[in-house]
Amino acid sequence: MLRQNIRVALIAVLYLGCTHPGPDPERAASPFLLELDTRSGLLAVPPLVGRPTTSSATLQVVAGRQPINVEVRIEGLPEVQQQAALEAGESHDLVLAGMAPGTEYRYEIIAHGQTTESQESHTGRFVTRRPPGSSFRFAVLSDTHLPVPAPEWLDPLNGDLFLPELHDYLVSRLDIGSVTQQVMASIREQEVDFILCLGDMLHFFRGFNDPFPSSAIADYGYLDLRGHLGQAGAEAAFFAAVGNWDGESGWQPEALQHHARQARMAFLPNPMRTTADPEDDTYLPGGSLNEDYFAWRWGDALLMVLNVMSYTPTKHTMQPDDDGTADDWTLGPEQFAWLEATLANDARFKMIFIHHPVGGN
């Protein structure tokens, strides 16, 4: 039975209303500082594990407010595995190759300031692809809805900072951020191989399902998400599906979808479109150039992440001018054909992860 081979930690974050008494007034008077004061380290956020294969894994790092040099060491291996120089605010993928399959590794990332003598260390773990017949553990997370602020709230010169809407945003941020951090701490305790987020990771605090108005706001949202993933994201590979609040809905203007897509791809390294690899078949051929649908093997399982949001052109916002129906939800012809081919795989267990059901198309 499935339960004998795969253990799933299923954790859903649901926002049920604000009961927090409100932020400290002095901090509420400076939302710009409230948003940025957690990003003063050499690394803006903890490292994130992504794209594990039979023999490799990717560690993504994001520099803080100054240029840095980073190096990666693996416990039990004598030499530095990877090193790089990053400009302030730059994200960089450190690919660790030559690893053994089905093996847990512990790593240390050491960051040095290029213009100062400062140094800091971050530790974590990752697991390479489990071979057939192996058991494994993974976590499923959904609908964190981390609030993303309106652009004017990040302006330190904005004098009208005590609007009710801003207060609601700050309270929601504190409540939802706290719950998210508790959930991620719980996931970390499970020492899972990977974490799967089913979408609605973010929530732009204007309108209903409105897209991010700029690349800066989208970048901010995903970097903030990275911060809330905390150490859990540094100790288990992270995979993400696209939800309706994540700014990539197919009925939105392409220029606005682009803001969210580029930010997601910059800070959440999902598997890239791939061709058949005779040396490592972790990821099945095909997938999206935008890294929004993909499939991989792990143990006896085949796992598929689909994207129904970006390929549905019909508007679904529950507004008066919205004539979308449930049957309109679609994968689009290319993703549908890829799914059909992928399901022909002979894996013992096949799992599909998607934010919304598809309307049959």
Protein backbone atom coordinates (compact mmCIF):
# COMPACT_ATOMS: atom_id res chain seq x y z
CA MET A 1 0.00 0.00 0.00
CA LEU A 2 1.05 3.59 -0.52
CA ARG A 3 1.21 4.31 3.19
CA GLN A 4 3.93 1.67 3.59
CA ASN A 5 6.27 3.45 1.19
CA ILE A 6 5.51 7.14 1.43
CA ARG A 7 4.68 9.24 4.44
CA VAL A 8 3.03 12.56 3.72
CA ALA A 9 2.93 15.44 6.19
CA LEU A 10 -0.08 17.44 4.95
CA ILE A 11 -0.23 20.92 6.38
CA ALA A 12 -2.62 23.61 5.06
CA VAL A 13 -2.46 27.20 6.24
CA LEU A 14 -5.93 28.77 6.24
CA TYR A 15 -6.54 32.41 7.09
CA LEU A 16 -9.64 32.53 9.30
CA GLY A 17 -9.60 36.16 10.47
CA CYS A 18 -7.48 38.63 12.46
CA THR A 19 -7.54 38.55 16.24
CA HIS A 20 -4.19 40.26 16.80
CA PRO A 21 -4.56 43.50 18.84
CA GLY A 22 -2.47 45.39 16.29
CA PRO A 23 1.18 46.28 15.76
CA ASP A 24 3.19 48.45 18.11
CA PRO A 25 2.37 52.07 17.17
CA GLU A 26 6.02 53.08 16.80
CA ARG A 27 6.63 50.30 14.30
CA ALA A 28 3.36 51.02 12.48
CA ALA A 29 4.60 54.55 11.89
CA SER A 30 7.49 53.19 9.81
CA PRO A 31 6.16 50.36 7.60
CA PHE A 32 9.13 50.79 5.26
CA LEU A 33 11.50 49.88 8.09
CA LEU A 34 9.14 47.17 9.30
CA GLU A 35 9.39 45.51 5.89
CA LEU A 36 13.17 45.78 5.55
CA ASP A 37 14.60 45.42 9.01
CA THR A 38 14.85 41.61 8.75
CA ARG A 39 17.12 41.80 5.71
CA SER A 40 20.27 43.32 7.17
CA GLY A 41 22.42 40.16 7.09
CA LEU A 42 24.99 39.25 4.46
CA LEU A 43 22.34 36.88 3.09
CA ALA A 44 18.97 38.59 2.74
CA VAL A 45 17.12 35.35 3.53
CA PRO A 46 18.11 31.79 4.47
CA PRO A 47 19.33 29.55 1.62
CA LEU A 48 16.75 27.53 -0.33
CA VAL A 49 17.22 23.96 -1.57
CA GLY A 50 15.85 23.21 -5.03
CA ARG A 51 16.07 20.95 -8.09
CA PRO A 52 17.42 17.80 -6.40
CA THR A 53 18.50 14.98 -8.71
CA THR A 54 20.12 11.58 -8.32
CA SER A 55 23.54 13.21 -7.98
CA SER A 56 23.04 16.93 -7.35
CA ALA A 57 21.07 19.70 -5.66
CA THR A 58 20.83 23.47 -6.04
CA LEU A 59 21.30 25.86 -3.15
CA GLN A 60 19.99 29.33 -3.92
CA VAL A 61 21.38 32.29 -2.01
CA VAL A 62 20.35 35.96 -2.10
CA ALA A 63 22.80 38.68 -1.09
CA GLY A 64 21.68 41.33 1.37
CA ARG A 65 22.56 44.99 1.20
CA GLN A 66 26.23 44.60 0.33
CA PRO A 67 28.36 42.59 -2.15
CA ILE A 68 29.43 39.22 -0.76
CA ASN A 69 31.52 36.16 -1.48
CA VAL A 70 30.00 32.78 -0.59
CA GLU A 71 31.39 29.27 -0.38
CA VAL A 72 29.71 25.94 0.28
CA ARG A 73 31.18 23.09 2.28
CA ILE A 74 29.67 19.62 2.66
CA GLU A 75 30.05 17.73 5.93
CA GLY A 76 32.51 14.88 5.47
CA LEU A 77 33.98 16.25 2.22
CA PRO A 78 37.33 18.04 2.50
CA GLU A 79 37.18 20.72 -0.20
CA VAL A 80 34.93 23.68 -0.92
CA GLN A 81 32.15 22.45 -3.23
CA GLN A 82 31.07 25.78 -4.75
CA GLN A 83 31.88 29.46 -4.43
CA ALA A 84 30.59 32.66 -5.99
CA ALA A 85 30.69 36.46 -5.77
CA LEU A 86 27.33 38.26 -5.57
CA GLU A 87 26.37 41.89 -5.93
CA ALA A 88 24.01 43.42 -3.35
CA GLY A 89 20.50 41.98 -3.76
CA GLU A 90 21.58 39.36 -6.33
CA SER A 91 20.23 35.79 -6.27
CA HIS A 92 22.54 32.97 -7.33
CA ASP A 93 22.16 29.21 -7.80
CA LEU A 94 24.97 27.09 -6.36
CA VAL A 95 24.80 23.66 -8.02
CA LEU A 96 26.36 20.84 -6.01
CA ALA A 97 27.20 17.90 -8.28
CA GLY A 98 28.87 14.53 -7.84
CA MET A 99 26.69 13.46 -4.90
CA ALA A 100 25.62 9.88 -4.17
CA PRO A 101 21.97 8.89 -4.83
CA GLY A 102 19.48 8.56 -1.98
CA THR A 103 21.83 10.25 0.46
CA GLU A 104 21.35 12.99 3.03
CA TYR A 105 24.00 15.70 3.05
CA ARG A 106 24.62 18.46 5.56
CA TYR A 107 26.12 21.68 4.25
CA GLU A 108 27.45 25.00 5.45
CA ILE A 109 27.33 28.23 3.46
CA ILE A 110 29.86 30.83 4.60
CA ALA A 111 29.32 34.42 3.45
CA HIS A 112 31.97 37.13 3.60
CA GLY A 113 31.44 40.83 3.01
CA GLN A 114 33.48 42.11 0.07
CA THR A 115 33.86 45.59 1.52
CA THR A 116 33.77 44.74 5.24
CA GLU A 117 35.28 42.07 7.47
CA SER A 118 31.84 40.70 8.36
CA GLN A 119 31.13 36.99 8.05
CA GLU A 120 28.16 34.73 8.70
CA SER A 121 27.38 31.04 8.38
CA HIS A 122 24.19 29.20 7.36
CA THR A 123 23.73 25.45 7.70
CA GLY A 124 21.21 23.06 6.16
CA ARG A 125 20.61 19.66 4.62
CA PHE A 126 19.37 18.14 1.39
CA VAL A 127 18.59 14.66 0.12
CA THR A 128 19.35 13.37 -3.35
CA ARG A 129 16.72 11.39 -5.25
CA ARG A 130 15.58 8.27 -3.45
CA PRO A 131 15.97 5.13 -5.60
CA PRO A 132 13.03 2.81 -6.38
CA GLY A 133 11.92 0.79 -3.39
CA SER A 134 12.86 3.52 -0.90
CA SER A 135 10.44 5.13 1.52
CA PHE A 136 10.44 8.89 1.97
CA ARG A 137 8.66 11.77 3.68
CA PHE A 138 7.45 15.05 2.19
CA ALA A 139 5.23 17.93 3.25
CA VAL A 140 2.38 19.61 1.37
CA LEU A 141 1.63 23.25 2.12
CA SER A 142 -1.00 25.52 0.61
CA ASP A 143 -2.53 29.01 0.70
CA THR A 144 -0.17 30.88 2.96
CA HIS A 145 -1.53 34.16 1.49
CA LEU A 146 1.38 36.24 2.78
CA PRO A 147 0.25 39.85 2.34
CA VAL A 148 2.13 41.93 -0.23
CA PRO A 149 1.91 45.70 0.38
CA ALA A 150 0.68 48.41 -1.94
CA PRO A 151 3.61 50.34 -3.45
CA GLU A 152 2.95 53.58 -1.56
CA TRP A 153 3.27 51.80 1.78
CA LEU A 154 6.94 51.12 1.06
CA ASP A 155 7.61 54.82 0.57
CA PRO A 156 9.31 56.18 3.74
CA LEU A 157 8.26 59.72 2.77
CA ASN A 158 4.56 58.87 2.63
CA GLY A 159 2.92 60.91 5.37
CA ASP A 160 -0.52 59.27 5.30
CA LEU A 161 0.45 55.99 6.96
CA PHE A 162 -2.45 55.40 9.33
CA LEU A 163 -5.13 54.48 6.84
CA PRO A 164 -7.45 51.64 7.96
CA GLU A 165 -6.30 49.61 4.96
CA LEU A 166 -2.68 49.93 6.01
CA HIS A 167 -3.53 48.91 9.57
CA ASP A 168 -5.36 45.83 8.23
CA TYR A 169 -2.33 44.97 6.14
CA LEU A 170 0.07 45.22 9.08
CA VAL A 171 -2.17 43.14 11.36
CA SER A 172 -2.67 40.51 8.66
CA ARG A 173 1.05 40.39 8.00
CA LEU A 174 1.83 39.78 11.66
CA ASP A 175 -0.87 37.13 12.08
CA ILE A 176 -0.30 35.23 8.86
CA GLY A 177 3.47 35.58 9.07
CA SER A 178 3.46 34.13 12.57
CA VAL A 179 1.31 31.14 11.55
CA THR A 180 3.47 30.50 8.49
CA GLN A 181 6.63 30.48 10.57
CA GLN A 182 5.06 28.04 13.04
CA VAL A 183 4.03 25.72 10.21
CA MET A 184 7.50 25.84 8.66
CA ALA A 185 9.07 25.06 12.02
CA SER A 186 6.78 22.03 12.33
CA ILE A 187 7.74 20.87 8.83
CA ARG A 188 11.41 21.27 9.68
CA GLU A 189 11.03 18.95 12.66
CA GLN A 190 9.79 16.19 10.31
CA GLU A 191 13.08 16.19 8.31
CA VAL A 192 11.22 15.68 5.04
CA ASP A 193 12.93 15.21 1.68
CA PHE A 194 10.97 18.02 0.04
CA ILE A 195 8.17 20.54 0.50
CA LEU A 196 5.41 21.05 -2.05
CA CYS A 197 3.46 24.33 -2.00
CA LEU A 198 0.15 24.22 -3.89
CA GLY A 199 -0.07 27.94 -4.61
CA ASP A 200 -1.61 31.16 -3.28
CA MET A 201 1.71 31.77 -1.63
CA LEU A 202 1.22 35.55 -1.78
CA HIS A 203 -1.70 37.98 -1.52
CA PHE A 204 -1.45 41.44 -3.07
CA PHE A 205 -3.36 43.64 -0.65
CA ARG A 206 -5.48 45.38 -3.26
CA GLY A 207 -8.55 44.12 -5.11
CA PHE A 208 -9.40 40.48 -5.67
CA ASN A 209 -6.73 38.39 -7.42
CA ASP A 210 -5.20 41.60 -8.78
CA PRO A 211 -1.73 41.20 -10.32
CA PHE A 212 1.40 42.80 -8.91
CA PRO A 213 1.71 46.33 -10.31
CA SER A 214 5.50 46.24 -10.72
CA SER A 215 8.49 43.93 -10.72
CA ALA A 216 9.72 45.59 -7.50
CA ILE A 217 6.54 44.64 -5.64
CA ALA A 218 6.65 41.09 -7.04
CA ASP A 219 10.31 40.74 -6.04
CA TYR A 220 9.47 42.00 -2.60
CA GLY A 221 6.66 39.48 -2.19
CA TYR A 222 8.72 36.45 -3.15
CA LEU A 223 11.72 37.55 -1.14
CA ASP A 224 9.41 37.99 1.84
CA LEU A 225 8.07 34.48 1.25
CA ARG A 226 11.62 33.17 1.26
CA GLY A 227 12.18 34.79 4.62
CA HIS A 228 9.08 33.12 6.06
CA LEU A 229 10.14 29.70 4.77
CA GLY A 230 13.06 30.10 7.14
CA GLN A 231 15.27 27.17 7.99
CA ALA A 232 12.74 24.64 6.64
CA GLY A 233 13.53 25.80 3.10
CA ALA A 234 17.23 25.36 3.80
CA GLU A 235 16.71 21.75 4.88
CA ALA A 236 14.27 20.33 2.29
CA ALA A 237 13.92 20.89 -1.45
CA PHE A 238 11.09 23.29 -2.30
CA PHE A 239 8.64 22.91 -5.22
CA ALA A 240 5.85 25.40 -5.95
CA ALA A 241 2.61 25.39 -7.93
CA VAL A 242 0.98 28.62 -9.15
CA GLY A 243 -2.25 29.79 -7.50
CA ASN A 244 -4.81 32.45 -8.41
CA TRP A 245 -3.36 34.99 -5.95
CA ASP A 246 0.21 34.63 -7.26
CA GLY A 247 -0.17 37.12 -10.10
CA GLU A 248 0.10 34.78 -13.11
CA SER A 249 -3.54 34.26 -14.11
CA GLY A 250 -3.99 33.87 -17.86
CA TRP A 251 -6.68 36.57 -18.15
CA GLN A 252 -4.33 39.26 -16.79
CA PRO A 253 -2.16 41.38 -19.10
CA GLU A 254 1.03 39.60 -20.09
CA ALA A 255 3.20 42.50 -18.90
CA LEU A 256 1.78 42.15 -15.38
CA GLN A 257 2.02 38.34 -15.39
CA HIS A 258 5.66 38.83 -16.34
CA HIS A 259 6.37 40.69 -13.07
CA ALA A 260 5.18 37.76 -10.97
CA ARG A 261 6.67 35.05 -13.20
CA GLN A 262 10.14 36.56 -13.21
CA ALA A 263 10.11 37.06 -9.45
CA ARG A 264 8.98 33.48 -8.84
CA MET A 265 11.66 32.11 -11.14
CA ALA A 266 14.29 34.32 -9.51
CA PHE A 267 13.58 33.29 -5.92
CA LEU A 268 11.90 29.84 -6.15
CA PRO A 269 13.99 27.62 -8.46
CA ASN A 270 11.46 25.06 -9.75
CA PRO A 271 12.66 22.36 -12.19
CA MET A 272 13.45 23.66 -15.66
CA ARG A 273 12.15 22.22 -18.93
CA THR A 274 14.34 19.22 -19.69
CA THR A 275 15.13 16.70 -22.39
CA ALA A 276 15.70 12.99 -21.87
CA ASP A 277 18.94 12.46 -19.92
CA PRO A 278 20.35 8.90 -20.06
CA GLU A 279 22.54 9.60 -17.02
CA ASP A 280 19.86 11.06 -14.73
CA ASP A 281 16.13 10.67 -15.31
CA THR A 282 14.92 12.39 -12.14
CA TYR A 283 12.89 14.91 -14.16
CA LEU A 284 10.71 13.70 -16.97
CA PRO A 285 11.21 15.24 -20.43
CA GLY A 286 9.29 18.37 -21.28
CA GLY A 287 7.68 20.67 -18.77
CA SER A 288 7.35 24.41 -18.95
CA LEU A 289 9.95 26.97 -19.97
CA ASN A 290 8.39 29.09 -17.25
CA GLU A 291 8.99 26.37 -14.63
CA ASP A 292 5.28 26.23 -13.79
CA TYR A 293 4.54 22.57 -14.63
CA PHE A 294 6.95 19.67 -14.27
CA ALA A 295 7.30 16.06 -13.08
CA TRP A 296 9.92 14.09 -11.22
CA ARG A 297 10.60 10.60 -9.87
CA TRP A 298 11.28 9.91 -6.21
CA GLY A 299 11.36 6.41 -4.81
CA ASP A 300 8.49 4.48 -6.41
CA ALA A 301 6.49 7.65 -7.06
CA LEU A 302 6.00 9.95 -10.01
CA LEU A 303 5.00 13.45 -8.87
CA MET A 304 3.47 15.99 -11.26
CA VAL A 305 2.86 19.68 -10.59
CA LEU A 306 0.39 21.33 -12.99
CA ASN A 307 -0.56 24.95 -13.65
CA VAL A 308 -4.22 25.68 -14.38
CA MET A 309 -3.91 29.41 -13.71
CA SER A 310 -1.61 30.70 -16.46
CA TYR A 311 -3.26 28.74 -19.26
CA THR A 312 -6.90 29.69 -18.56
CA PRO A 313 -7.71 32.86 -20.53
CA THR A 314 -11.26 33.25 -19.20
CA LYS A 315 -11.64 35.69 -16.32
CA HIS A 316 -12.47 34.11 -12.95
CA THR A 317 -12.74 36.74 -10.22
CA MET A 318 -16.32 36.35 -8.93
CA GLN A 319 -17.01 39.96 -9.95
CA PRO A 320 -20.19 41.16 -11.77
CA ASP A 321 -18.39 41.40 -15.13
CA ASP A 322 -16.93 37.91 -14.73
CA ASP A 323 -18.61 35.26 -16.89
CA GLY A 324 -16.13 32.45 -16.17
CA THR A 325 -17.48 28.99 -15.35
CA ALA A 326 -15.96 25.89 -13.80
CA ASP A 327 -15.69 24.23 -17.20
CA ASP A 328 -13.42 27.04 -18.44
CA TRP A 329 -10.45 25.99 -16.32
CA THR A 330 -7.88 24.48 -18.68
CA LEU A 331 -4.28 23.29 -18.91
CA GLY A 332 -4.01 24.44 -22.51
CA PRO A 333 -3.14 22.03 -25.36
CA GLU A 334 0.63 21.85 -24.78
CA GLN A 335 0.43 21.13 -21.05
CA PHE A 336 -2.43 18.68 -21.61
CA ALA A 337 -0.40 16.74 -24.19
CA TRP A 338 2.62 16.73 -21.88
CA LEU A 339 0.50 15.40 -19.00
CA GLU A 340 -0.94 12.65 -21.18
CA ALA A 341 2.57 11.54 -22.21
CA THR A 342 3.89 11.79 -18.65
CA LEU A 343 1.07 9.65 -17.24
CA ALA A 344 2.18 6.84 -19.54
CA ASN A 345 5.19 6.39 -17.24
CA ASP A 346 5.27 3.03 -15.46
CA ALA A 347 5.81 4.43 -11.95
CA ARG A 348 4.07 2.46 -9.20
CA PHE A 349 2.47 5.57 -7.70
CA LYS A 350 1.40 8.69 -9.59
CA MET A 351 0.47 11.91 -7.82
CA ILE A 352 -0.86 15.12 -9.34
CA PHE A 353 -0.68 18.46 -7.55
CA ILE A 354 -2.64 21.46 -8.82
CA HIS A 355 -4.15 24.58 -7.28
CA HIS A 356 -7.63 24.39 -8.85
CA PRO A 357 -9.41 21.46 -10.54
CA VAL A 358 -9.41 21.46 -14.33
CA GLY A 359 -12.70 21.76 -16.22
CA GLY A 360 -11.97 18.77 -18.43
CA ASN A 361 -9.87 20.57 -21.04
